[in-house]
Amino acid sequence: MNGEPLPELSRSQKLAAGAAAALFLIAVGFLGFALANQVLVPFAIGWVALQIFGYVGALKFAKGDFAHPLFMNQVLLHVIALALLSMALMKALS
């Protein structure tokens, strides 16, 4: 690099990046669970792939700004996917 320090992230940028990282780790954990139990494997693979391509594309379009509305919508999309997955699992277990 050129030796310049990176700019400090704002609170909203840290929150969005942390939420995205947490959702990605949940998706990878669910992928491991799905592969071990052979249940919902296509969903688990697709969810991880969607996160990778979605976050990379949103960050590229937002020029690296984690607080950009497109990146925030990407995070919200995966929160909704997690909620739908949770509801499906609760329905299956009841």
C-alpha atoms as a PDB file:
ATOM      1  CA  MET A   1       0.000   0.000   0.000  1.00  0.00           C
ATOM      2  CA  ASN A   2       1.052   3.615   0.041  1.00  0.00           C
ATOM      3  CA  GLY A   3       1.507   3.918   3.822  1.00  0.00           C
ATOM      4  CA  GLU A   4      -1.554   6.075   4.473  1.00  0.00           C
ATOM      5  CA  PRO A   5      -3.681   5.051   7.468  1.00  0.00           C
ATOM      6  CA  LEU A   6      -7.165   3.800   6.740  1.00  0.00           C
ATOM      7  CA  PRO A   7     -10.017   6.152   7.617  1.00  0.00           C
ATOM      8  CA  GLU A   8     -11.943   5.480  10.809  1.00  0.00           C
ATOM      9  CA  LEU A   9     -15.322   3.811  10.273  1.00  0.00           C
ATOM     10  CA  SER A  10     -18.452   5.519  11.538  1.00  0.00           C
ATOM     11  CA  ARG A  11     -20.782   3.830  14.009  1.00  0.00           C
ATOM     12  CA  SER A  12     -23.312   2.934  11.290  1.00  0.00           C
ATOM     13  CA  GLN A  13     -20.567   1.471   9.098  1.00  0.00           C
ATOM     14  CA  LYS A  14     -19.303  -0.677  11.983  1.00  0.00           C
ATOM     15  CA  LEU A  15     -22.847  -1.841  12.747  1.00  0.00           C
ATOM     16  CA  ALA A  16     -23.561  -2.780   9.135  1.00  0.00           C
ATOM     17  CA  ALA A  17     -20.243  -4.578   8.715  1.00  0.00           C
ATOM     18  CA  GLY A  18     -20.723  -6.459  11.982  1.00  0.00           C
ATOM     19  CA  ALA A  19     -24.254  -7.489  11.056  1.00  0.00           C
ATOM     20  CA  ALA A  20     -23.095  -8.686   7.645  1.00  0.00           C
ATOM     21  CA  ALA A  21     -20.265 -10.693   9.197  1.00  0.00           C
ATOM     22  CA  ALA A  22     -22.590 -12.245  11.785  1.00  0.00           C
ATOM     23  CA  LEU A  23     -25.128 -13.209   9.128  1.00  0.00           C
ATOM     24  CA  PHE A  24     -22.384 -14.711   6.973  1.00  0.00           C
ATOM     25  CA  LEU A  25     -21.100 -16.789   9.884  1.00  0.00           C
ATOM     26  CA  ILE A  26     -24.644 -17.984  10.622  1.00  0.00           C
ATOM     27  CA  ALA A  27     -25.054 -18.969   6.961  1.00  0.00           C
ATOM     28  CA  VAL A  28     -21.760 -20.875   6.935  1.00  0.00           C
ATOM     29  CA  GLY A  29     -22.717 -22.606  10.189  1.00  0.00           C
ATOM     30  CA  PHE A  30     -26.075 -23.577   8.736  1.00  0.00           C
ATOM     31  CA  LEU A  31     -24.297 -24.867   5.624  1.00  0.00           C
ATOM     32  CA  GLY A  32     -22.226 -27.160   7.828  1.00  0.00           C
ATOM     33  CA  PHE A  33     -25.360 -28.336   9.640  1.00  0.00           C
ATOM     34  CA  ALA A  34     -27.210 -28.888   6.366  1.00  0.00           C
ATOM     35  CA  LEU A  35     -24.369 -30.889   4.847  1.00  0.00           C
ATOM     36  CA  ALA A  36     -23.971 -33.021   7.969  1.00  0.00           C
ATOM     37  CA  ASN A  37     -27.684 -33.833   8.166  1.00  0.00           C
ATOM     38  CA  GLN A  38     -28.484 -33.726   4.420  1.00  0.00           C
ATOM     39  CA  VAL A  39     -31.387 -31.338   4.978  1.00  0.00           C
ATOM     40  CA  LEU A  40     -32.032 -28.064   3.068  1.00  0.00           C
ATOM     41  CA  VAL A  41     -28.666 -28.392   1.315  1.00  0.00           C
ATOM     42  CA  PRO A  42     -29.634 -26.378  -1.833  1.00  0.00           C
ATOM     43  CA  PHE A  43     -30.934 -23.526   0.322  1.00  0.00           C
ATOM     44  CA  ALA A  44     -27.794 -23.495   2.463  1.00  0.00           C
ATOM     45  CA  ILE A  45     -25.464 -23.463  -0.544  1.00  0.00           C
ATOM     46  CA  GLY A  46     -27.528 -20.802  -2.299  1.00  0.00           C
ATOM     47  CA  TRP A  47     -27.711 -18.606   0.795  1.00  0.00           C
ATOM     48  CA  VAL A  48     -23.921 -18.550   1.206  1.00  0.00           C
ATOM     49  CA  ALA A  49     -23.419 -17.907  -2.523  1.00  0.00           C
ATOM     50  CA  LEU A  50     -26.036 -15.140  -2.483  1.00  0.00           C
ATOM     51  CA  GLN A  51     -24.284 -13.475   0.430  1.00  0.00           C
ATOM     52  CA  ILE A  52     -20.872 -13.616  -1.210  1.00  0.00           C
ATOM     53  CA  PHE A  53     -22.032 -12.186  -4.531  1.00  0.00           C
ATOM     54  CA  GLY A  54     -24.479  -9.758  -2.905  1.00  0.00           C
ATOM     55  CA  TYR A  55     -22.037  -8.248  -0.424  1.00  0.00           C
ATOM     56  CA  VAL A  56     -19.208  -7.998  -2.954  1.00  0.00           C
ATOM     57  CA  GLY A  57     -21.465  -6.425  -5.578  1.00  0.00           C
ATOM     58  CA  ALA A  58     -23.022  -3.998  -3.121  1.00  0.00           C
ATOM     59  CA  LEU A  59     -19.643  -2.924  -1.757  1.00  0.00           C
ATOM     60  CA  LYS A  60     -18.246  -2.480  -5.253  1.00  0.00           C
ATOM     61  CA  PHE A  61     -21.217  -0.320  -6.255  1.00  0.00           C
ATOM     62  CA  ALA A  62     -21.057   1.621  -2.949  1.00  0.00           C
ATOM     63  CA  LYS A  63     -17.292   2.190  -3.348  1.00  0.00           C
ATOM     64  CA  GLY A  64     -16.555   0.420  -0.041  1.00  0.00           C
ATOM     65  CA  ASP A  65     -19.070   2.343   2.080  1.00  0.00           C
ATOM     66  CA  PHE A  66     -20.687  -0.056   4.532  1.00  0.00           C
ATOM     67  CA  ALA A  67     -23.364   2.536   5.396  1.00  0.00           C
ATOM     68  CA  HIS A  68     -24.530   2.835   1.761  1.00  0.00           C
ATOM     69  CA  PRO A  69     -28.267   2.059   1.392  1.00  0.00           C
ATOM     70  CA  LEU A  70     -27.572  -0.731  -1.110  1.00  0.00           C
ATOM     71  CA  PHE A  71     -25.308  -2.553   1.352  1.00  0.00           C
ATOM     72  CA  MET A  72     -27.797  -1.980   4.187  1.00  0.00           C
ATOM     73  CA  ASN A  73     -30.569  -3.457   1.998  1.00  0.00           C
ATOM     74  CA  GLN A  74     -28.343  -6.458   1.308  1.00  0.00           C
ATOM     75  CA  VAL A  75     -27.978  -6.996   5.073  1.00  0.00           C
ATOM     76  CA  LEU A  76     -31.748  -6.635   5.549  1.00  0.00           C
ATOM     77  CA  LEU A  77     -32.356  -9.176   2.781  1.00  0.00           C
ATOM     78  CA  HIS A  78     -30.306 -11.740   4.684  1.00  0.00           C
ATOM     79  CA  VAL A  79     -32.043 -10.906   7.975  1.00  0.00           C
ATOM     80  CA  ILE A  80     -35.312 -11.728   6.214  1.00  0.00           C
ATOM     81  CA  ALA A  81     -33.809 -14.983   4.870  1.00  0.00           C
ATOM     82  CA  LEU A  82     -32.751 -15.894   8.423  1.00  0.00           C
ATOM     83  CA  ALA A  83     -36.253 -15.115   9.714  1.00  0.00           C
ATOM     84  CA  LEU A  84     -37.832 -17.298   7.007  1.00  0.00           C
ATOM     85  CA  LEU A  85     -35.419 -20.121   7.776  1.00  0.00           C
ATOM     86  CA  SER A  86     -36.187 -19.829  11.497  1.00  0.00           C
ATOM     87  CA  MET A  87     -39.927 -19.937  10.835  1.00  0.00           C
ATOM     88  CA  ALA A  88     -39.555 -22.971   8.573  1.00  0.00           C
ATOM     89  CA  LEU A  89     -37.521 -24.794  11.213  1.00  0.00           C
ATOM     90  CA  MET A  90     -40.022 -23.930  13.956  1.00  0.00           C
ATOM     91  CA  LYS A  91     -42.873 -25.196  11.771  1.00  0.00           C
ATOM     92  CA  ALA A  92     -40.971 -28.426  11.045  1.00  0.00           C
ATOM     93  CA  LEU A  93     -40.180 -29.043  14.714  1.00  0.00           C
ATOM     94  CA  SER A  94     -43.702 -28.393  16.006  1.00  0.00           C
END
